[in-house]
Amino acid sequence: MTEIDCRELPCPRPIIELAKALPTVGVGELLAVVARDPAARHDVPAWCRMRGQEYVGEERAADGAPRYVVRRLS
């Protein structure tokens, strides 16, 4: 799984970084966004719905920061 570190980035940067990183993973592969920005909890699933990608769910990174997992569908 590819992970992008957006821990210190304010909204909307985690979504911008997600959009930039998605083409770097293959279709069917997972991409995780680690972000402390509280808006990311809502923004990542909404972005997935709008862009036709699968929101897999929320996990925790080793340091306890939220990690939002996306599967590239196209």
PDB file of N, CA and C in Angstrom:
ATOM      1  N   MET A   1       0.856  -1.175   0.000  1.00  0.00           N
ATOM      2  CA  MET A   1       0.000   0.000   0.000  1.00  0.00           C
ATOM      3  C   MET A   1       0.901   1.237   0.000  1.00  0.00           C
ATOM      4  N   THR A   2       0.585   2.154  -0.876  1.00  0.00           N
ATOM      5  CA  THR A   2       1.288   3.438  -0.922  1.00  0.00           C
ATOM      6  C   THR A   2       0.657   4.373   0.099  1.00  0.00           C
ATOM      7  N   GLU A   3       1.485   5.122   0.804  1.00  0.00           N
ATOM      8  CA  GLU A   3       0.980   6.046   1.823  1.00  0.00           C
ATOM      9  C   GLU A   3       1.537   7.429   1.557  1.00  0.00           C
ATOM     10  N   ILE A   4       0.666   8.437   1.647  1.00  0.00           N
ATOM     11  CA  ILE A   4       1.129   9.818   1.526  1.00  0.00           C
ATOM     12  C   ILE A   4       0.932  10.509   2.870  1.00  0.00           C
ATOM     13  N   ASP A   5       1.942  11.240   3.280  1.00  0.00           N
ATOM     14  CA  ASP A   5       1.951  11.899   4.585  1.00  0.00           C
ATOM     15  C   ASP A   5       1.447  13.332   4.437  1.00  0.00           C
ATOM     16  N   CYS A   6       0.240  13.555   4.936  1.00  0.00           N
ATOM     17  CA  CYS A   6      -0.370  14.888   4.898  1.00  0.00           C
ATOM     18  C   CYS A   6      -0.672  15.362   6.320  1.00  0.00           C
ATOM     19  N   ARG A   7       0.066  14.828   7.293  1.00  0.00           N
ATOM     20  CA  ARG A   7      -0.213  15.111   8.706  1.00  0.00           C
ATOM     21  C   ARG A   7      -0.288  16.593   9.026  1.00  0.00           C
ATOM     22  N   GLU A   8       0.594  17.368   8.446  1.00  0.00           N
ATOM     23  CA  GLU A   8       0.672  18.790   8.806  1.00  0.00           C
ATOM     24  C   GLU A   8       0.012  19.708   7.780  1.00  0.00           C
ATOM     25  N   LEU A   9      -0.694  19.144   6.822  1.00  0.00           N
ATOM     26  CA  LEU A   9      -1.286  19.960   5.764  1.00  0.00           C
ATOM     27  C   LEU A   9      -2.721  20.330   6.098  1.00  0.00           C
ATOM     28  N   PRO A  10      -3.076  21.616   5.956  1.00  0.00           N
ATOM     29  CA  PRO A  10      -4.452  22.046   6.212  1.00  0.00           C
ATOM     30  C   PRO A  10      -5.358  21.729   5.020  1.00  0.00           C
ATOM     31  N   CYS A  11      -6.639  21.715   5.259  1.00  0.00           N
ATOM     32  CA  CYS A  11      -7.643  21.546   4.215  1.00  0.00           C
ATOM     33  C   CYS A  11      -7.474  22.661   3.179  1.00  0.00           C
ATOM     34  N   PRO A  12      -7.518  22.393   1.932  1.00  0.00           N
ATOM     35  CA  PRO A  12      -7.867  21.164   1.223  1.00  0.00           C
ATOM     36  C   PRO A  12      -6.659  20.376   0.734  1.00  0.00           C
ATOM     37  N   ARG A  13      -5.484  20.649   1.270  1.00  0.00           N
ATOM     38  CA  ARG A  13      -4.251  20.024   0.755  1.00  0.00           C
ATOM     39  C   ARG A  13      -4.258  18.495   0.784  1.00  0.00           C
ATOM     40  N   PRO A  14      -4.801  17.815   1.830  1.00  0.00           N
ATOM     41  CA  PRO A  14      -4.801  16.348   1.766  1.00  0.00           C
ATOM     42  C   PRO A  14      -5.528  15.806   0.521  1.00  0.00           C
ATOM     43  N   ILE A  15      -6.612  16.454   0.130  1.00  0.00           N
ATOM     44  CA  ILE A  15      -7.353  16.014  -1.056  1.00  0.00           C
ATOM     45  C   ILE A  15      -6.558  16.317  -2.325  1.00  0.00           C
ATOM     46  N   ILE A  16      -5.909  17.449  -2.361  1.00  0.00           N
ATOM     47  CA  ILE A  16      -5.069  17.798  -3.511  1.00  0.00           C
ATOM     48  C   ILE A  16      -3.950  16.777  -3.660  1.00  0.00           C
ATOM     49  N   GLU A  17      -3.315  16.420  -2.555  1.00  0.00           N
ATOM     50  CA  GLU A  17      -2.233  15.434  -2.593  1.00  0.00           C
ATOM     51  C   GLU A  17      -2.755  14.047  -2.984  1.00  0.00           C
ATOM     52  N   LEU A  18      -3.946  13.699  -2.520  1.00  0.00           N
ATOM     53  CA  LEU A  18      -4.572  12.436  -2.910  1.00  0.00           C
ATOM     54  C   LEU A  18      -4.785  12.401  -4.423  1.00  0.00           C
ATOM     55  N   ALA A  19      -5.331  13.465  -4.968  1.00  0.00           N
ATOM     56  CA  ALA A  19      -5.588  13.530  -6.410  1.00  0.00           C
ATOM     57  C   ALA A  19      -4.289  13.435  -7.209  1.00  0.00           C
ATOM     58  N   LYS A  20      -3.225  14.062  -6.719  1.00  0.00           N
ATOM     59  CA  LYS A  20      -1.935  14.008  -7.414  1.00  0.00           C
ATOM     60  C   LYS A  20      -1.309  12.620  -7.339  1.00  0.00           C
ATOM     61  N   ALA A  21      -1.500  11.925  -6.214  1.00  0.00           N
ATOM     62  CA  ALA A  21      -0.851  10.632  -6.000  1.00  0.00           C
ATOM     63  C   ALA A  21      -1.600   9.468  -6.635  1.00  0.00           C
ATOM     64  N   LEU A  22      -2.894   9.601  -6.851  1.00  0.00           N
ATOM     65  CA  LEU A  22      -3.681   8.474  -7.352  1.00  0.00           C
ATOM     66  C   LEU A  22      -3.110   7.876  -8.639  1.00  0.00           C
ATOM     67  N   PRO A  23      -2.696   8.669  -9.625  1.00  0.00           N
ATOM     68  CA  PRO A  23      -2.162   8.069 -10.854  1.00  0.00           C
ATOM     69  C   PRO A  23      -0.862   7.273 -10.652  1.00  0.00           C
ATOM     70  N   THR A  24      -0.233   7.404  -9.496  1.00  0.00           N
ATOM     71  CA  THR A  24       1.030   6.693  -9.259  1.00  0.00           C
ATOM     72  C   THR A  24       0.818   5.265  -8.779  1.00  0.00           C
ATOM     73  N   VAL A  25      -0.433   4.898  -8.457  1.00  0.00           N
ATOM     74  CA  VAL A  25      -0.726   3.527  -8.043  1.00  0.00           C
ATOM     75  C   VAL A  25      -1.546   2.845  -9.130  1.00  0.00           C
ATOM     76  N   GLY A  26      -1.418   1.550  -9.221  1.00  0.00           N
ATOM     77  CA  GLY A  26      -2.140   0.807 -10.241  1.00  0.00           C
ATOM     78  C   GLY A  26      -3.607   0.642  -9.897  1.00  0.00           C
ATOM     79  N   VAL A  27      -4.414   0.390 -10.916  1.00  0.00           N
ATOM     80  CA  VAL A  27      -5.832   0.114 -10.708  1.00  0.00           C
ATOM     81  C   VAL A  27      -5.943  -1.123  -9.821  1.00  0.00           C
ATOM     82  N   GLY A  28      -6.774  -1.025  -8.795  1.00  0.00           N
ATOM     83  CA  GLY A  28      -6.951  -2.106  -7.832  1.00  0.00           C
ATOM     84  C   GLY A  28      -6.056  -1.990  -6.618  1.00  0.00           C
ATOM     85  N   GLU A  29      -5.050  -1.126  -6.679  1.00  0.00           N
ATOM     86  CA  GLU A  29      -4.133  -0.967  -5.552  1.00  0.00           C
ATOM     87  C   GLU A  29      -4.670   0.058  -4.555  1.00  0.00           C
ATOM     88  N   LEU A  30      -4.093   0.024  -3.353  1.00  0.00           N
ATOM     89  CA  LEU A  30      -4.519   0.904  -2.265  1.00  0.00           C
ATOM     90  C   LEU A  30      -3.581   2.094  -2.127  1.00  0.00           C
ATOM     91  N   LEU A  31      -4.180   3.211  -1.762  1.00  0.00           N
ATOM     92  CA  LEU A  31      -3.456   4.443  -1.472  1.00  0.00           C
ATOM     93  C   LEU A  31      -3.995   4.965  -0.149  1.00  0.00           C
ATOM     94  N   ALA A  32      -3.116   5.245   0.789  1.00  0.00           N
ATOM     95  CA  ALA A  32      -3.533   5.741   2.097  1.00  0.00           C
ATOM     96  C   ALA A  32      -3.085   7.181   2.270  1.00  0.00           C
ATOM     97  N   VAL A  33      -3.989   8.006   2.803  1.00  0.00           N
ATOM     98  CA  VAL A  33      -3.701   9.402   3.104  1.00  0.00           C
ATOM     99  C   VAL A  33      -3.682   9.533   4.624  1.00  0.00           C
ATOM    100  N   VAL A  34      -2.540   9.909   5.183  1.00  0.00           N
ATOM    101  CA  VAL A  34      -2.443  10.135   6.624  1.00  0.00           C
ATOM    102  C   VAL A  34      -2.587  11.629   6.846  1.00  0.00           C
ATOM    103  N   ALA A  35      -3.661  12.019   7.545  1.00  0.00           N
ATOM    104  CA  ALA A  35      -3.956  13.443   7.711  1.00  0.00           C
ATOM    105  C   ALA A  35      -4.607  13.698   9.066  1.00  0.00           C
ATOM    106  N   ARG A  36      -4.082  14.684   9.763  1.00  0.00           N
ATOM    107  CA  ARG A  36      -4.666  15.078  11.053  1.00  0.00           C
ATOM    108  C   ARG A  36      -5.771  16.114  10.888  1.00  0.00           C
ATOM    109  N   ASP A  37      -5.885  16.701   9.702  1.00  0.00           N
ATOM    110  CA  ASP A  37      -6.922  17.698   9.450  1.00  0.00           C
ATOM    111  C   ASP A  37      -8.294  17.043   9.635  1.00  0.00           C
ATOM    112  N   PRO A  38      -9.123  17.562  10.555  1.00  0.00           N
ATOM    113  CA  PRO A  38     -10.413  16.909  10.827  1.00  0.00           C
ATOM    114  C   PRO A  38     -11.334  16.838   9.605  1.00  0.00           C
ATOM    115  N   ALA A  39     -11.197  17.761   8.672  1.00  0.00           N
ATOM    116  CA  ALA A  39     -12.054  17.758   7.485  1.00  0.00           C
ATOM    117  C   ALA A  39     -11.779  16.549   6.587  1.00  0.00           C
ATOM    118  N   ALA A  40     -10.582  15.986   6.672  1.00  0.00           N
ATOM    119  CA  ALA A  40     -10.234  14.850   5.816  1.00  0.00           C
ATOM    120  C   ALA A  40     -11.159  13.662   6.052  1.00  0.00           C
ATOM    121  N   ARG A  41     -11.672  13.510   7.258  1.00  0.00           N
ATOM    122  CA  ARG A  41     -12.575  12.397   7.588  1.00  0.00           C
ATOM    123  C   ARG A  41     -13.812  12.416   6.686  1.00  0.00           C
ATOM    124  N   HIS A  42     -14.254  13.592   6.288  1.00  0.00           N
ATOM    125  CA  HIS A  42     -15.422  13.728   5.408  1.00  0.00           C
ATOM    126  C   HIS A  42     -15.003  13.935   3.959  1.00  0.00           C
ATOM    127  N   ASP A  43     -13.893  14.639   3.772  1.00  0.00           N
ATOM    128  CA  ASP A  43     -13.468  14.991   2.418  1.00  0.00           C
ATOM    129  C   ASP A  43     -12.998  13.798   1.600  1.00  0.00           C
ATOM    130  N   VAL A  44     -12.270  12.874   2.209  1.00  0.00           N
ATOM    131  CA  VAL A  44     -11.743  11.735   1.448  1.00  0.00           C
ATOM    132  C   VAL A  44     -12.886  10.850   0.925  1.00  0.00           C
ATOM    133  N   PRO A  45     -13.853  10.441   1.755  1.00  0.00           N
ATOM    134  CA  PRO A  45     -14.960   9.642   1.209  1.00  0.00           C
ATOM    135  C   PRO A  45     -15.764  10.406   0.147  1.00  0.00           C
ATOM    136  N   ALA A  46     -15.977  11.699   0.360  1.00  0.00           N
ATOM    137  CA  ALA A  46     -16.725  12.498  -0.620  1.00  0.00           C
ATOM    138  C   ALA A  46     -15.962  12.580  -1.937  1.00  0.00           C
ATOM    139  N   TRP A  47     -14.655  12.770  -1.862  1.00  0.00           N
ATOM    140  CA  TRP A  47     -13.834  12.828  -3.076  1.00  0.00           C
ATOM    141  C   TRP A  47     -13.923  11.505  -3.819  1.00  0.00           C
ATOM    142  N   CYS A  48     -13.870  10.396  -3.090  1.00  0.00           N
ATOM    143  CA  CYS A  48     -13.965   9.076  -3.719  1.00  0.00           C
ATOM    144  C   CYS A  48     -15.292   8.912  -4.454  1.00  0.00           C
ATOM    145  N   ARG A  49     -16.385   9.334  -3.832  1.00  0.00           N
ATOM    146  CA  ARG A  49     -17.689   9.239  -4.492  1.00  0.00           C
ATOM    147  C   ARG A  49     -17.717  10.068  -5.769  1.00  0.00           C
ATOM    148  N   MET A  50     -17.184  11.276  -5.700  1.00  0.00           N
ATOM    149  CA  MET A  50     -17.200  12.169  -6.866  1.00  0.00           C
ATOM    150  C   MET A  50     -16.287  11.681  -7.980  1.00  0.00           C
ATOM    151  N   ARG A  51     -15.207  10.997  -7.641  1.00  0.00           N
ATOM    152  CA  ARG A  51     -14.205  10.587  -8.626  1.00  0.00           C
ATOM    153  C   ARG A  51     -14.314   9.111  -9.018  1.00  0.00           C
ATOM    154  N   GLY A  52     -15.309   8.404  -8.468  1.00  0.00           N
ATOM    155  CA  GLY A  52     -15.500   7.008  -8.842  1.00  0.00           C
ATOM    156  C   GLY A  52     -14.435   6.069  -8.315  1.00  0.00           C
ATOM    157  N   GLN A  53     -13.893   6.386  -7.145  1.00  0.00           N
ATOM    158  CA  GLN A  53     -12.902   5.526  -6.499  1.00  0.00           C
ATOM    159  C   GLN A  53     -13.547   4.905  -5.257  1.00  0.00           C
ATOM    160  N   GLU A  54     -12.952   3.837  -4.730  1.00  0.00           N
ATOM    161  CA  GLU A  54     -13.519   3.155  -3.567  1.00  0.00           C
ATOM    162  C   GLU A  54     -12.881   3.654  -2.280  1.00  0.00           C
ATOM    163  N   TYR A  55     -13.714   4.145  -1.374  1.00  0.00           N
ATOM    164  CA  TYR A  55     -13.234   4.492  -0.038  1.00  0.00           C
ATOM    165  C   TYR A  55     -13.272   3.211   0.787  1.00  0.00           C
ATOM    166  N   VAL A  56     -12.107   2.717   1.192  1.00  0.00           N
ATOM    167  CA  VAL A  56     -12.003   1.455   1.921  1.00  0.00           C
ATOM    168  C   VAL A  56     -12.319   1.660   3.400  1.00  0.00           C
ATOM    169  N   GLY A  57     -11.824   2.779   3.967  1.00  0.00           N
ATOM    170  CA  GLY A  57     -12.116   3.055   5.364  1.00  0.00           C
ATOM    171  C   GLY A  57     -10.993   3.795   6.062  1.00  0.00           C
ATOM    172  N   GLU A  58     -11.196   3.980   7.346  1.00  0.00           N
ATOM    173  CA  GLU A  58     -10.243   4.712   8.179  1.00  0.00           C
ATOM    174  C   GLU A  58      -9.498   3.740   9.081  1.00  0.00           C
ATOM    175  N   GLU A  59      -8.201   3.962   9.182  1.00  0.00           N
ATOM    176  CA  GLU A  59      -7.339   3.199  10.081  1.00  0.00           C
ATOM    177  C   GLU A  59      -6.549   4.194  10.922  1.00  0.00           C
ATOM    178  N   ARG A  60      -5.601   3.693  11.659  1.00  0.00           N
ATOM    179  CA  ARG A  60      -4.687   4.540  12.422  1.00  0.00           C
ATOM    180  C   ARG A  60      -3.257   4.230  11.998  1.00  0.00           C
ATOM    181  N   ALA A  61      -2.481   5.275  11.784  1.00  0.00           N
ATOM    182  CA  ALA A  61      -1.054   5.113  11.508  1.00  0.00           C
ATOM    183  C   ALA A  61      -0.358   4.734  12.816  1.00  0.00           C
ATOM    184  N   ALA A  62       0.890   4.345  12.742  1.00  0.00           N
ATOM    185  CA  ALA A  62       1.641   3.922  13.928  1.00  0.00           C
ATOM    186  C   ALA A  62       1.660   4.986  15.021  1.00  0.00           C
ATOM    187  N   ASP A  63       1.652   6.270  14.611  1.00  0.00           N
ATOM    188  CA  ASP A  63       1.673   7.359  15.594  1.00  0.00           C
ATOM    189  C   ASP A  63       0.277   7.774  16.047  1.00  0.00           C
ATOM    190  N   GLY A  64      -0.751   7.058  15.608  1.00  0.00           N
ATOM    191  CA  GLY A  64      -2.125   7.355  16.008  1.00  0.00           C
ATOM    192  C   GLY A  64      -2.858   8.313  15.088  1.00  0.00           C
ATOM    193  N   ALA A  65      -2.185   8.856  14.099  1.00  0.00           N
ATOM    194  CA  ALA A  65      -2.838   9.775  13.158  1.00  0.00           C
ATOM    195  C   ALA A  65      -3.816   8.991  12.286  1.00  0.00           C
ATOM    196  N   PRO A  66      -4.941   9.610  11.929  1.00  0.00           N
ATOM    197  CA  PRO A  66      -5.896   8.931  11.048  1.00  0.00           C
ATOM    198  C   PRO A  66      -5.285   8.647   9.673  1.00  0.00           C
ATOM    199  N   ARG A  67      -5.596   7.468   9.161  1.00  0.00           N
ATOM    200  CA  ARG A  67      -5.145   7.068   7.820  1.00  0.00           C
ATOM    201  C   ARG A  67      -6.394   6.646   7.042  1.00  0.00           C
ATOM    202  N   TYR A  68      -6.631   7.327   5.931  1.00  0.00           N
ATOM    203  CA  TYR A  68      -7.803   7.092   5.097  1.00  0.00           C
ATOM    204  C   TYR A  68      -7.369   6.302   3.865  1.00  0.00           C
ATOM    205  N   VAL A  69      -7.985   5.147   3.664  1.00  0.00           N
ATOM    206  CA  VAL A  69      -7.542   4.223   2.624  1.00  0.00           C
ATOM    207  C   VAL A  69      -8.513   4.252   1.434  1.00  0.00           C
ATOM    208  N   VAL A  70      -7.907   4.380   0.256  1.00  0.00           N
ATOM    209  CA  VAL A  70      -8.639   4.475  -1.009  1.00  0.00           C
ATOM    210  C   VAL A  70      -8.122   3.379  -1.943  1.00  0.00           C
ATOM    211  N   ARG A  71      -9.054   2.720  -2.648  1.00  0.00           N
ATOM    212  CA  ARG A  71      -8.664   1.766  -3.698  1.00  0.00           C
ATOM    213  C   ARG A  71      -8.923   2.424  -5.040  1.00  0.00           C
ATOM    214  N   ARG A  72      -7.896   2.422  -5.879  1.00  0.00           N
ATOM    215  CA  ARG A  72      -8.054   2.998  -7.215  1.00  0.00           C
ATOM    216  C   ARG A  72      -8.870   2.043  -8.077  1.00  0.00           C
ATOM    217  N   LEU A  73      -9.966   2.542  -8.620  1.00  0.00           N
ATOM    218  CA  LEU A  73     -10.842   1.728  -9.463  1.00  0.00           C
ATOM    219  C   LEU A  73     -10.662   2.031 -10.954  1.00  0.00           C
ATOM    220  N   SER A  74     -10.155   3.209 -11.257  1.00  0.00           N
ATOM    221  CA  SER A  74      -9.973   3.563 -12.677  1.00  0.00           C
ATOM    222  C   SER A  74      -8.828   4.540 -12.828  1.00  0.00           C
TER     223      SER A  74
END
